[in-house]
C-alpha atoms as a PDB file:
ATOM      1  CA  MET A   1     107.273 106.160  73.207  1.00  0.00           C
ATOM      2  CA  PRO A   2     107.780 108.310  70.541  1.00  0.00           C
ATOM      3  CA  ILE A   3     109.354 111.779  71.137  1.00  0.00           C
ATOM      4  CA  ALA A   4     106.321 113.563  70.009  1.00  0.00           C
ATOM      5  CA  TRP A   5     104.106 111.780  72.532  1.00  0.00           C
ATOM      6  CA  LEU A   6     106.760 112.679  75.177  1.00  0.00           C
ATOM      7  CA  ALA A   7     106.684 116.233  74.286  1.00  0.00           C
ATOM      8  CA  GLU A   8     102.887 116.065  74.113  1.00  0.00           C
ATOM      9  CA  LEU A   9     102.988 114.508  77.887  1.00  0.00           C
ATOM     10  CA  LEU A  10     105.228 117.279  79.117  1.00  0.00           C
ATOM     11  CA  GLN A  11     103.200 120.001  77.184  1.00  0.00           C
ATOM     12  CA  LYS A  12     100.440 118.653  79.610  1.00  0.00           C
ATOM     13  CA  ILE A  13     102.418 118.308  82.580  1.00  0.00           C
ATOM     14  CA  ALA A  14     103.171 122.432  81.902  1.00  0.00           C
ATOM     15  CA  GLU A  15      99.662 123.158  81.527  1.00  0.00           C
ATOM     16  CA  THR A  16      98.544 121.176  84.814  1.00  0.00           C
ATOM     17  CA  PRO A  17     100.804 122.904  87.687  1.00  0.00           C
ATOM     18  CA  PHE A  18      97.684 122.192  89.985  1.00  0.00           C
ATOM     19  CA  LEU A  19      98.397 118.401  89.222  1.00  0.00           C
ATOM     20  CA  ASP A  20     101.111 116.100  90.499  1.00  0.00           C
ATOM     21  CA  TRP A  21     102.499 113.961  88.163  1.00  0.00           C
ATOM     22  CA  GLN A  22     104.517 110.480  88.967  1.00  0.00           C
ATOM     23  CA  LEU A  23     106.427 109.438  86.182  1.00  0.00           C
ATOM     24  CA  LEU A  24     107.840 105.786  86.271  1.00  0.00           C
ATOM     25  CA  THR A  25     110.488 104.075  83.937  1.00  0.00           C
ATOM     26  CA  LYS A  26     112.584 100.902  83.578  1.00  0.00           C
ATOM     27  CA  ARG A  27     115.177 102.991  81.667  1.00  0.00           C
ATOM     28  CA  ILE A  28     116.117 105.761  83.302  1.00  0.00           C
ATOM     29  CA  GLU A  29     119.639 105.575  81.701  1.00  0.00           C
ATOM     30  CA  LEU A  30     117.661 107.031  78.653  1.00  0.00           C
ATOM     31  CA  TRP A  31     116.040 110.126  80.335  1.00  0.00           C
ATOM     32  CA  SER A  32     118.354 112.736  79.577  1.00  0.00           C
ATOM     33  CA  ASP A  33     118.624 111.438  75.888  1.00  0.00           C
ATOM     34  CA  ARG A  34     114.621 111.514  75.797  1.00  0.00           C
ATOM     35  CA  LEU A  35     114.604 115.318  77.338  1.00  0.00           C
ATOM     36  CA  GLN A  36     117.302 116.381  74.706  1.00  0.00           C
ATOM     37  CA  ALA A  37     115.336 115.079  71.809  1.00  0.00           C
ATOM     38  CA  VAL A  38     112.221 116.714  73.278  1.00  0.00           C
ATOM     39  CA  ALA A  39     114.127 120.024  73.655  1.00  0.00           C
ATOM     40  CA  ALA A  40     114.981 119.547  69.710  1.00  0.00           C
ATOM     41  CA  SER A  41     111.472 119.250  69.153  1.00  0.00           C
ATOM     42  CA  ASP A  42     108.806 121.987  67.413  1.00  0.00           C
ATOM     43  CA  ASN A  43     106.770 121.751  70.526  1.00  0.00           C
ATOM     44  CA  LYS A  44     107.514 124.862  72.072  1.00  0.00           C
ATOM     45  CA  VAL A  45     106.072 124.308  75.752  1.00  0.00           C
ATOM     46  CA  ALA A  46     107.529 121.182  75.731  1.00  0.00           C
ATOM     47  CA  THR A  47     111.015 122.414  74.605  1.00  0.00           C
ATOM     48  CA  THR A  48     111.056 125.090  77.557  1.00  0.00           C
ATOM     49  CA  MET A  49     110.505 122.490  79.823  1.00  0.00           C
ATOM     50  CA  ALA A  50     112.882 120.013  78.516  1.00  0.00           C
ATOM     51  CA  VAL A  51     115.685 122.653  78.220  1.00  0.00           C
ATOM     52  CA  ASN A  52     115.190 123.609  81.965  1.00  0.00           C
ATOM     53  CA  TRP A  53     114.992 120.303  83.314  1.00  0.00           C
ATOM     54  CA  LEU A  54     118.486 119.164  81.511  1.00  0.00           C
ATOM     55  CA  ALA A  55     119.815 122.441  83.035  1.00  0.00           C
ATOM     56  CA  GLY A  56     118.780 121.316  86.741  1.00  0.00           C
ATOM     57  CA  ASN A  57     115.438 123.036  86.976  1.00  0.00           C
ATOM     58  CA  PRO A  58     112.788 120.361  86.857  1.00  0.00           C
ATOM     59  CA  PRO A  59     109.102 120.965  87.213  1.00  0.00           C
ATOM     60  CA  SER A  60     107.933 121.359  90.702  1.00  0.00           C
ATOM     61  CA  ASN A  61     104.984 118.957  90.002  1.00  0.00           C
ATOM     62  CA  VAL A  62     106.701 115.896  88.925  1.00  0.00           C
ATOM     63  CA  GLY A  63     108.005 112.877  90.846  1.00  0.00           C
ATOM     64  CA  LEU A  64     110.219 110.630  88.795  1.00  0.00           C
ATOM     65  CA  GLY A  65     110.845 107.023  89.755  1.00  0.00           C
ATOM     66  CA  VAL A  66     112.262 103.730  88.473  1.00  0.00           C
ATOM     67  CA  SER A  67     111.142 100.309  88.727  1.00  0.00           C
ATOM     68  CA  VAL A  68     112.985  98.067  91.236  1.00  0.00           C
ATOM     69  CA  GLU A  69     111.961  94.321  91.265  1.00  0.00           C
ATOM     70  CA  ASN A  70     115.414  93.101  92.078  1.00  0.00           C
ATOM     71  CA  GLN A  71     118.924  93.879  93.714  1.00  0.00           C
ATOM     72  CA  ARG A  72     120.469  93.891  90.153  1.00  0.00           C
ATOM     73  CA  CYS A  73     117.815  96.577  89.233  1.00  0.00           C
ATOM     74  CA  ALA A  74     118.298  98.497  92.452  1.00  0.00           C
ATOM     75  CA  ASP A  75     122.383  98.598  91.993  1.00  0.00           C
ATOM     76  CA  GLU A  76     121.695  99.796  88.121  1.00  0.00           C
ATOM     77  CA  ARG A  77     118.736 102.232  88.615  1.00  0.00           C
ATOM     78  CA  ILE A  78     118.744 103.969  91.913  1.00  0.00           C
ATOM     79  CA  PRO A  79     122.485 105.442  91.361  1.00  0.00           C
ATOM     80  CA  LEU A  80     120.990 107.001  87.750  1.00  0.00           C
ATOM     81  CA  LEU A  81     117.979 108.296  89.527  1.00  0.00           C
ATOM     82  CA  LEU A  82     119.717 110.064  92.274  1.00  0.00           C
ATOM     83  CA  ARG A  83     121.680 111.604  89.496  1.00  0.00           C
ATOM     84  CA  THR A  84     118.745 113.058  87.485  1.00  0.00           C
ATOM     85  CA  PRO A  85     117.198 116.150  88.648  1.00  0.00           C
ATOM     86  CA  THR A  86     113.788 116.089  90.052  1.00  0.00           C
ATOM     87  CA  LYS A  87     111.515 117.405  92.753  1.00  0.00           C
ATOM     88  CA  MET A  88     110.614 113.988  93.918  1.00  0.00           C
ATOM     89  CA  ARG A  89     112.289 110.534  93.769  1.00  0.00           C
ATOM     90  CA  PHE A  90     110.623 107.306  94.156  1.00  0.00           C
ATOM     91  CA  LEU A  91     110.791 103.628  93.996  1.00  0.00           C
ATOM     92  CA  SER A  92     108.456 101.172  92.564  1.00  0.00           C
ATOM     93  CA  CYS A  93     109.450  97.681  94.365  1.00  0.00           C
ATOM     94  CA  GLU A  94     106.610  95.663  92.949  1.00  0.00           C
ATOM     95  CA  PRO A  95     106.524  93.130  92.162  1.00  0.00           C
ATOM     96  CA  LEU A  96     109.439  92.656  94.991  1.00  0.00           C
ATOM     97  CA  LEU A  97     110.905  89.318  93.904  1.00  0.00           C
ATOM     98  CA  GLU A  98     113.719  89.505  96.391  1.00  0.00           C
ATOM     99  CA  GLU A  99     115.144  91.109  99.413  1.00  0.00           C
ATOM    100  CA  ILE A 100     116.815  94.227  98.397  1.00  0.00           C
ATOM    101  CA  ASN A 101     119.404  96.455 100.137  1.00  0.00           C
ATOM    102  CA  ILE A 102     119.000 100.200  99.111  1.00  0.00           C
ATOM    103  CA  LEU A 103     120.665 102.021 101.952  1.00  0.00           C
ATOM    104  CA  LYS A 104     124.374 100.758 100.263  1.00  0.00           C
ATOM    105  CA  LEU A 105     123.492 102.904  97.252  1.00  0.00           C
ATOM    106  CA  LEU A 106     122.189 106.188  99.196  1.00  0.00           C
ATOM    107  CA  PRO A 107     124.851 109.084  99.702  1.00  0.00           C
ATOM    108  CA  THR A 108     126.142 109.538 103.397  1.00  0.00           C
ATOM    109  CA  PHE A 109     127.382 112.197 104.878  1.00  0.00           C
ATOM    110  CA  SER A 110     129.502 112.707 108.328  1.00  0.00           C
ATOM    111  CA  ASP A 111     130.633 116.175 109.829  1.00  0.00           C
ATOM    112  CA  PRO A 112     133.312 117.498 112.152  1.00  0.00           C
ATOM    113  CA  ASP A 113     131.242 116.556 114.975  1.00  0.00           C
ATOM    114  CA  GLY A 114     131.342 112.823 114.286  1.00  0.00           C
ATOM    115  CA  THR A 115     127.699 112.643 113.444  1.00  0.00           C
ATOM    116  CA  CYS A 116     126.889 110.825 110.261  1.00  0.00           C
ATOM    117  CA  GLY A 117     124.131 109.348 108.387  1.00  0.00           C
ATOM    118  CA  PHE A 118     122.158 109.404 104.965  1.00  0.00           C
ATOM    119  CA  GLU A 119     122.036 112.539 103.182  1.00  0.00           C
ATOM    120  CA  PRO A 120     118.550 113.825 103.105  1.00  0.00           C
ATOM    121  CA  ASN A 121     115.691 114.368 100.209  1.00  0.00           C
ATOM    122  CA  GLN A 122     117.720 111.926  97.817  1.00  0.00           C
ATOM    123  CA  LEU A 123     114.977 109.299  97.766  1.00  0.00           C
ATOM    124  CA  HIS A 124     111.460 110.173  99.319  1.00  0.00           C
ATOM    125  CA  TRP A 125     109.106 107.345  98.637  1.00  0.00           C
ATOM    126  CA  ALA A 126     109.129 103.648  98.081  1.00  0.00           C
ATOM    127  CA  ILE A 127     106.216 101.577  96.929  1.00  0.00           C
ATOM    128  CA  ILE A 128     106.415  98.045  97.850  1.00  0.00           C
ATOM    129  CA  GLY A 129     104.290  94.956  96.721  1.00  0.00           C
ATOM    130  CA  GLY A 130     103.929  91.205  95.665  1.00  0.00           C
ATOM    131  CA  GLU A 131     103.077  90.417  92.105  1.00  0.00           C
ATOM    132  CA  SER A 132      99.332  89.692  91.728  1.00  0.00           C
ATOM    133  CA  GLY A 133      97.275  87.828  88.963  1.00  0.00           C
ATOM    134  CA  SER A 134      97.286  84.224  88.674  1.00  0.00           C
ATOM    135  CA  LYS A 135      98.130  81.443  91.038  1.00  0.00           C
ATOM    136  CA  ASP A 136     101.368  81.205  89.207  1.00  0.00           C
ATOM    137  CA  SER A 137     102.376  84.616  90.685  1.00  0.00           C
ATOM    138  CA  ARG A 138     105.725  84.749  91.868  1.00  0.00           C
ATOM    139  CA  ILE A 139     106.125  84.773  95.954  1.00  0.00           C
ATOM    140  CA  PHE A 140     106.464  87.986  97.807  1.00  0.00           C
ATOM    141  CA  ASP A 141     108.082  87.204 101.451  1.00  0.00           C
ATOM    142  CA  LEU A 142     106.946  89.253 103.952  1.00  0.00           C
ATOM    143  CA  ASP A 143     110.550  89.601 105.282  1.00  0.00           C
ATOM    144  CA  TRP A 144     111.582  91.343 102.033  1.00  0.00           C
ATOM    145  CA  GLY A 145     108.663  93.750 102.729  1.00  0.00           C
ATOM    146  CA  ARG A 146     109.837  94.137 106.594  1.00  0.00           C
ATOM    147  CA  SER A 147     113.580  94.582 105.501  1.00  0.00           C
ATOM    148  CA  LEU A 148     112.651  97.299 102.691  1.00  0.00           C
ATOM    149  CA  ILE A 149     110.306  99.349 105.429  1.00  0.00           C
ATOM    150  CA  GLY A 150     113.128  99.263 107.943  1.00  0.00           C
ATOM    151  CA  GLN A 151     115.431 100.528 105.509  1.00  0.00           C
ATOM    152  CA  CYS A 152     113.064 103.229 104.693  1.00  0.00           C
ATOM    153  CA  ARG A 153     112.678 104.226 108.011  1.00  0.00           C
ATOM    154  CA  THR A 154     116.441 104.294 108.521  1.00  0.00           C
ATOM    155  CA  ALA A 155     116.945 106.817 105.493  1.00  0.00           C
ATOM    156  CA  GLY A 156     113.969 109.062 106.012  1.00  0.00           C
ATOM    157  CA  ILE A 157     112.192 107.614 102.902  1.00  0.00           C
ATOM    158  CA  TYR A 158     108.393 107.277 103.022  1.00  0.00           C
ATOM    159  CA  PRO A 159     107.197 103.281 102.815  1.00  0.00           C
ATOM    160  CA  PHE A 160     104.040 102.589 101.416  1.00  0.00           C
ATOM    161  CA  LEU A 161     103.238  98.767 101.322  1.00  0.00           C
ATOM    162  CA  LYS A 162     100.449  98.713  98.166  1.00  0.00           C
ATOM    163  CA  GLN A 163      99.704  94.825  98.702  1.00  0.00           C
ATOM    164  CA  ALA A 164     101.148  91.611  99.440  1.00  0.00           C
ATOM    165  CA  GLY A 165     100.147  90.126  96.205  1.00  0.00           C
ATOM    166  CA  SER A 166      98.704  86.718  95.309  1.00  0.00           C
ATOM    167  CA  ASN A 167     101.324  84.472  96.675  1.00  0.00           C
ATOM    168  CA  PRO A 168     102.467  85.922 100.073  1.00  0.00           C
ATOM    169  CA  VAL A 169     104.484  83.834 102.252  1.00  0.00           C
ATOM    170  CA  ASP A 170     105.796  84.498 105.783  1.00  0.00           C
ATOM    171  CA  LYS A 171     108.721  82.861 107.117  1.00  0.00           C
ATOM    172  CA  ARG A 172     108.664  80.447 103.904  1.00  0.00           C
ATOM    173  CA  ILE A 173     105.002  79.464 105.293  1.00  0.00           C
ATOM    174  CA  PRO A 174     102.410  80.347 102.171  1.00  0.00           C
ATOM    175  CA  ILE A 175      99.539  82.708 103.545  1.00  0.00           C
ATOM    176  CA  LYS A 176      95.852  82.734 102.621  1.00  0.00           C
ATOM    177  CA  LEU A 177      94.510  86.040 102.297  1.00  0.00           C
ATOM    178  CA  ARG A 178      90.831  86.972 101.348  1.00  0.00           C
ATOM    179  CA  ASP A 179      91.862  89.400  99.426  1.00  0.00           C
ATOM    180  CA  LYS A 180      93.328  87.926  96.084  1.00  0.00           C
ATOM    181  CA  LYS A 181      96.033  90.613  95.446  1.00  0.00           C
ATOM    182  CA  GLY A 182      96.791  91.092  99.420  1.00  0.00           C
ATOM    183  CA  ALA A 183      95.606  94.576  99.334  1.00  0.00           C
ATOM    184  CA  ASP A 184      93.820  94.761 102.500  1.00  0.00           C
ATOM    185  CA  LEU A 185      96.599  95.904 104.788  1.00  0.00           C
ATOM    186  CA  TYR A 186      94.568  94.599 107.769  1.00  0.00           C
ATOM    187  CA  GLU A 187      94.880  90.879 106.853  1.00  0.00           C
ATOM    188  CA  LEU A 188      98.781  91.423 107.390  1.00  0.00           C
ATOM    189  CA  PRO A 189     100.891  91.800 110.511  1.00  0.00           C
ATOM    190  CA  ILE A 190     100.708  95.109 111.927  1.00  0.00           C
ATOM    191  CA  GLU A 191     104.355  96.176 110.864  1.00  0.00           C
ATOM    192  CA  LEU A 192     103.378  95.810 107.392  1.00  0.00           C
ATOM    193  CA  GLN A 193     100.256  98.338 107.595  1.00  0.00           C
ATOM    194  CA  VAL A 194     102.253 101.066 106.216  1.00  0.00           C
ATOM    195  CA  GLN A 195     100.887 103.299 103.615  1.00  0.00           C
ATOM    196  CA  GLU A 196     102.821 106.779 103.896  1.00  0.00           C
ATOM    197  CA  ILE A 197     102.793 109.450 101.347  1.00  0.00           C
ATOM    198  CA  PRO A 198     105.426 112.274 100.716  1.00  0.00           C
ATOM    199  CA  GLN A 199     103.758 115.765 101.607  1.00  0.00           C
END
């Protein structure tokens, strides 16, 4: 995306504080450099937003997310997302192509009383889904969804199963669904009928 386009987007975000924006990237490692480029642009509104964001004051109406389709992407992108200032962080785990462990990437705490757990408000939302499209779509194992929903519950993250995709399997057995994208959650086991949204 040309820097001028990003500057225009940030200006639009600044002009619409009544809207919640979700920015999704596969290249979170470039985020700071892109904001620095906007900060040097001639768009005054966007420059102000970029400077503030770089100083650790992100806009209150923006959620920043990364695509996480497998463990390698989780290992690379989640730690970078956690270091990026934003009011709301989310994962787009779609198409989810294998089981992933996000808990090992989250900061934990322990206090003198012996209480331990995951630091709150690090990750807020995980959107989960299988690949849709042709009959050649890659599989989505429902156990991967079950595992990720369970991890979200453990860490205080809102899980949202968007769809099972065009090629869902359960216990390695293909499932025939009426909805071609697997988006009718009522066709899925009840533990997967989860669509929570952060408030």
